Amino acid sequence: MDAALAPVALVTGGAVRIGRAICRALAAAGHAVAVHHRTSSAAAAELCAEIIAAGGRAEPFAADLTRPPEIAQLAADVERAFGRVDVLVNNASVFPSTPFLGTPPTEIASALDTSVALHVRAPLLLVRALAPGMQARGRGVVVNLGDSVADRAGFAPYSASKAALASLTRSLARELAPEIRVNMVSPGAILPAPGPAADRAAADALARVVAKIPMGRAGTPAEIAAAVVFLVSGPGYVTGQDIAVDGGR
């Protein structure tokens, strides 16, 4: 497909980890990709160069999604650069550890504020900014990234915000149909990116989790990306759904 005619996808947090895999998969499926990042400018530029070298179209966009003015500017910048946005993937995330009785109340409040700002307010405002154009063109897809084990202990603010995002997904699916489909993909235990020895503790924790997964292994970012592409390019009768990619956990 001519890159200038390709459907356009905006992926928040698209420069690294799961977001990077989603950008690659959407590009491979024929989408032009707007790669959002906050501070990962080098990684975003590298990914865009990779997509362009493969014959696709991609551009990086920086924004702090905890700041509403920057959210509005991001939406405007992407629409200006590409002419439209057909697909929005709300992937950007934080994962603050907040053991409930071991964390000062001020830190819990701060973690909740940041989690809600990034996982709830930013997706809501991005959809609000981009939905009018999608409806005017008669089509659009939103995919939110949830968490199939968001109720784990020690992460209450994060868990609360992801639960709110799940509710938002269902609500917007009803409100924006039939022109815009809104779904969620909820990863389970996903293999971490290769890293230094400091990541060994996380790898050990993952191994303990994997022992309880029926599929007997962790998932991969590519498998999350495949679920996103399915919701974007697959059956047009699927909306308001949450696909858990968690090995049966």
Protein backbone atom coordinates (compact mmCIF):
# COMPACT_ATOMS: atom_id res chain seq x y z
CA MET A 1 0.00 0.00 0.00
CA ASP A 2 1.13 3.54 -0.78
CA ALA A 3 2.38 4.97 2.52
CA ALA A 4 0.48 8.19 1.83
CA LEU A 5 -2.81 6.26 1.59
CA ALA A 6 -2.26 3.93 4.53
CA PRO A 7 -4.60 4.07 7.53
CA VAL A 8 -3.03 6.04 10.36
CA ALA A 9 -2.45 4.72 13.88
CA LEU A 10 -1.36 6.71 16.92
CA VAL A 11 0.30 4.54 19.58
CA THR A 12 1.01 6.16 22.94
CA GLY A 13 4.14 4.95 24.66
CA GLY A 14 5.09 3.48 21.31
CA ALA A 15 8.86 3.79 21.46
CA VAL A 16 9.67 0.96 23.85
CA ARG A 17 8.57 -2.43 25.14
CA ILE A 18 4.99 -3.49 24.27
CA GLY A 19 4.29 -0.19 22.51
CA ARG A 20 7.25 -0.74 20.21
CA ALA A 21 5.97 -4.19 19.26
CA ILE A 22 2.50 -2.73 18.58
CA CYS A 23 3.99 -0.06 16.29
CA ARG A 24 5.96 -2.67 14.36
CA ALA A 25 2.92 -4.94 13.99
CA LEU A 26 0.62 -2.15 12.84
CA ALA A 27 3.24 -0.96 10.35
CA ALA A 28 3.60 -4.50 9.03
CA ALA A 29 -0.20 -4.62 8.66
CA GLY A 30 -0.09 -1.55 6.44
CA HIS A 31 -0.61 1.34 8.84
CA ALA A 32 1.26 4.60 8.96
CA VAL A 33 2.31 5.00 12.59
CA ALA A 34 2.57 8.01 14.86
CA VAL A 35 5.00 6.90 17.58
CA HIS A 36 4.30 8.80 20.77
CA HIS A 37 6.88 8.99 23.55
CA ARG A 38 7.59 11.18 26.54
CA THR A 39 11.38 11.08 26.85
CA SER A 40 12.45 8.13 24.67
CA SER A 41 13.33 10.30 21.68
CA ALA A 42 16.26 8.16 20.50
CA ALA A 43 14.24 4.93 20.67
CA ALA A 44 11.32 6.57 18.85
CA ALA A 45 13.57 7.90 16.10
CA GLU A 46 15.24 4.50 15.69
CA LEU A 47 11.87 2.74 15.41
CA CYS A 48 10.58 5.24 12.86
CA ALA A 49 13.73 4.79 10.78
CA GLU A 50 13.25 1.02 10.89
CA ILE A 51 9.62 1.29 9.71
CA ILE A 52 10.54 3.73 6.94
CA ALA A 53 13.38 1.48 5.77
CA ALA A 54 10.84 -1.33 5.41
CA GLY A 55 8.71 0.83 3.14
CA GLY A 56 6.28 2.20 5.70
CA ARG A 57 5.61 5.62 7.15
CA ALA A 58 6.26 6.65 10.75
CA GLU A 59 6.94 9.83 12.68
CA PRO A 60 7.80 10.41 16.36
CA PHE A 61 5.80 12.74 18.60
CA ALA A 62 6.77 13.81 22.12
CA ALA A 63 4.21 14.69 24.80
CA ASP A 64 3.70 14.39 28.55
CA LEU A 65 0.28 12.74 28.75
CA THR A 66 -0.20 13.78 32.37
CA ARG A 67 -0.62 17.36 31.05
CA PRO A 68 -3.95 17.97 29.26
CA PRO A 69 -2.61 20.81 27.05
CA GLU A 70 0.07 18.45 25.71
CA ILE A 71 -2.57 15.80 25.02
CA ALA A 72 -4.54 18.25 22.90
CA GLN A 73 -1.37 19.35 21.12
CA LEU A 74 -0.38 15.74 20.41
CA ALA A 75 -3.74 14.99 18.78
CA ALA A 76 -3.54 18.17 16.70
CA ASP A 77 0.07 17.53 15.67
CA VAL A 78 -0.62 13.97 14.52
CA GLU A 79 -3.72 14.98 12.57
CA ARG A 80 -1.77 17.81 10.96
CA ALA A 81 1.15 15.56 10.01
CA PHE A 82 -0.88 12.62 8.68
CA GLY A 83 -4.19 14.26 7.74
CA ARG A 84 -6.24 12.05 10.04
CA VAL A 85 -6.09 9.33 12.71
CA ASP A 86 -7.94 6.06 12.08
CA VAL A 87 -6.63 4.04 15.02
CA LEU A 88 -5.75 5.07 18.57
CA VAL A 89 -3.86 2.65 20.83
CA ASN A 90 -3.70 3.88 24.43
CA ASN A 91 -0.64 1.98 25.62
CA ALA A 92 1.37 4.50 27.69
CA SER A 93 1.58 3.36 31.29
CA VAL A 94 3.23 3.67 34.67
CA PHE A 95 3.51 0.91 37.28
CA PRO A 96 4.16 2.46 40.70
CA SER A 97 4.76 0.00 43.53
CA THR A 98 2.72 1.14 46.53
CA PRO A 99 2.53 -1.45 49.34
CA PHE A 100 -0.55 -0.09 51.05
CA LEU A 101 0.49 0.08 54.71
CA GLY A 102 4.17 0.59 53.90
CA THR A 103 3.73 3.63 51.67
CA PRO A 104 3.18 7.14 53.09
CA PRO A 105 -0.26 8.57 52.29
CA THR A 106 1.26 11.41 50.29
CA GLU A 107 3.07 8.90 48.03
CA ILE A 108 -0.12 6.86 47.61
CA ALA A 109 -1.99 10.02 46.61
CA SER A 110 0.72 10.97 44.15
CA ALA A 111 0.76 7.48 42.62
CA LEU A 112 -3.02 7.57 42.26
CA ASP A 113 -2.95 11.00 40.64
CA THR A 114 -0.32 9.91 38.12
CA SER A 115 -1.97 6.55 37.40
CA VAL A 116 -5.38 8.11 36.80
CA ALA A 117 -3.90 10.92 34.71
CA LEU A 118 -2.06 8.50 32.42
CA HIS A 119 -4.40 5.49 32.34
CA VAL A 120 -7.79 7.24 32.44
CA ARG A 121 -7.68 10.96 31.71
CA ALA A 122 -5.20 10.78 28.84
CA PRO A 123 -7.10 8.03 26.93
CA LEU A 124 -10.38 9.85 27.56
CA LEU A 125 -9.06 13.17 26.27
CA LEU A 126 -7.32 11.60 23.28
CA VAL A 127 -10.51 9.83 22.27
CA ARG A 128 -12.43 13.08 22.74
CA ALA A 129 -9.96 14.90 20.50
CA LEU A 130 -9.85 12.28 17.74
CA ALA A 131 -13.38 10.85 17.76
CA PRO A 132 -15.03 13.68 15.80
CA GLY A 133 -12.75 13.06 12.83
CA MET A 134 -13.29 9.31 13.05
CA GLN A 135 -17.06 9.73 13.16
CA ALA A 136 -17.01 12.17 10.25
CA ARG A 137 -15.15 9.57 8.17
CA GLY A 138 -17.50 6.84 9.36
CA ARG A 139 -14.85 4.61 10.92
CA GLY A 140 -12.35 4.45 13.74
CA VAL A 141 -10.82 2.02 16.23
CA VAL A 142 -9.62 2.55 19.78
CA VAL A 143 -7.68 -0.12 21.65
CA ASN A 144 -6.83 0.41 25.32
CA LEU A 145 -4.13 -1.59 27.08
CA GLY A 146 -5.33 -3.03 30.37
CA ASP A 147 -3.89 -5.65 32.71
CA SER A 148 -5.33 -9.11 33.29
CA VAL A 149 -3.83 -9.24 36.79
CA ALA A 150 -4.35 -5.60 37.76
CA ASP A 151 -5.70 -6.56 41.18
CA ARG A 152 -2.33 -7.79 42.45
CA ALA A 153 -1.35 -6.70 45.96
CA GLY A 154 0.98 -3.76 46.39
CA PHE A 155 -0.25 -1.71 43.43
CA ALA A 156 -3.63 -0.33 44.54
CA PRO A 157 -3.48 3.05 42.72
CA TYR A 158 -2.37 1.35 39.50
CA SER A 159 -5.06 -1.31 39.86
CA ALA A 160 -7.78 1.27 40.47
CA SER A 161 -6.80 3.22 37.37
CA LYS A 162 -6.77 0.13 35.15
CA ALA A 163 -10.21 -0.86 36.47
CA ALA A 164 -11.43 2.61 35.54
CA LEU A 165 -9.95 2.21 32.06
CA ALA A 166 -11.85 -1.06 31.62
CA SER A 167 -15.08 0.70 32.56
CA LEU A 168 -14.24 3.56 30.22
CA THR A 169 -13.69 1.08 27.40
CA ARG A 170 -17.19 -0.38 27.79
CA SER A 171 -18.82 3.03 28.18
CA LEU A 172 -17.16 4.56 25.12
CA ALA A 173 -17.88 1.44 23.04
CA ARG A 174 -21.59 2.01 23.61
CA GLU A 175 -21.46 5.77 23.17
CA LEU A 176 -19.34 5.89 20.01
CA ALA A 177 -20.85 2.97 18.10
CA PRO A 178 -21.40 2.23 15.31
CA GLU A 179 -18.70 4.37 13.68
CA ILE A 180 -16.01 3.79 16.31
CA ARG A 181 -15.15 0.48 17.92
CA VAL A 182 -13.51 0.56 21.37
CA ASN A 183 -11.86 -2.53 22.86
CA MET A 184 -9.18 -3.51 25.35
CA VAL A 185 -6.24 -5.91 25.37
CA SER A 186 -5.14 -7.02 28.82
CA PRO A 187 -1.67 -8.59 29.01
CA GLY A 188 -0.74 -11.10 31.66
CA ALA A 189 2.86 -11.97 32.52
CA ILE A 190 4.95 -10.70 29.61
CA LEU A 191 8.63 -11.38 29.08
CA PRO A 192 10.67 -8.31 30.03
CA ALA A 193 13.02 -6.75 27.52
CA PRO A 194 16.64 -7.92 27.85
CA GLY A 195 18.39 -5.85 30.47
CA PRO A 196 21.27 -5.68 32.93
CA ALA A 197 21.78 -7.71 36.07
CA ALA A 198 19.54 -5.26 37.93
CA ASP A 199 16.63 -6.95 36.14
CA ARG A 200 17.36 -10.32 37.68
CA ALA A 201 14.95 -9.72 40.57
CA ALA A 202 12.16 -9.00 38.09
CA ALA A 203 13.09 -12.13 36.13
CA ASP A 204 12.98 -14.22 39.31
CA ALA A 205 9.56 -12.80 40.17
CA LEU A 206 8.35 -13.57 36.65
CA ALA A 207 9.54 -17.16 36.98
CA ARG A 208 7.42 -17.60 40.09
CA VAL A 209 4.39 -16.26 38.23
CA VAL A 210 5.01 -18.46 35.19
CA ALA A 211 4.87 -21.54 37.38
CA LYS A 212 1.15 -20.83 37.91
CA ILE A 213 0.24 -20.16 34.27
CA PRO A 214 -1.59 -23.00 32.45
CA MET A 215 0.32 -22.33 29.22
CA GLY A 216 3.57 -22.84 31.12
CA ARG A 217 5.33 -19.70 29.92
CA ALA A 218 5.21 -15.93 29.85
CA GLY A 219 3.80 -14.09 26.88
CA THR A 220 5.73 -11.87 24.51
CA PRO A 221 5.20 -8.27 23.37
CA ALA A 222 4.63 -9.62 19.86
CA GLU A 223 1.65 -11.64 21.10
CA ILE A 224 0.11 -8.54 22.67
CA ALA A 225 0.69 -6.68 19.41
CA ALA A 226 -1.00 -9.48 17.47
CA ALA A 227 -4.11 -9.12 19.64
CA VAL A 228 -4.14 -5.38 18.99
CA VAL A 229 -3.88 -5.93 15.22
CA PHE A 230 -6.74 -8.44 15.42
CA LEU A 231 -8.98 -5.85 17.07
CA VAL A 232 -7.90 -3.16 14.60
CA SER A 233 -8.13 -5.18 11.38
CA GLY A 234 -10.37 -8.10 12.31
CA PRO A 235 -14.14 -8.50 12.68
CA GLY A 236 -15.99 -5.19 12.58
CA TYR A 237 -18.66 -6.52 14.95
CA VAL A 238 -16.36 -6.65 18.00
CA THR A 239 -16.60 -3.72 20.40
CA GLY A 240 -16.65 -3.22 24.15
CA GLN A 241 -14.55 -6.34 24.68
CA ASP A 242 -11.49 -7.08 26.82
CA ILE A 243 -9.17 -9.73 25.42
CA ALA A 244 -6.95 -11.23 28.11
CA VAL A 245 -3.63 -12.37 26.65
CA ASP A 246 -2.45 -14.17 29.77
CA GLY A 247 -1.89 -17.86 29.00
CA GLY A 248 -5.15 -18.89 30.68
CA ARG A 249 -4.27 -17.46 34.04
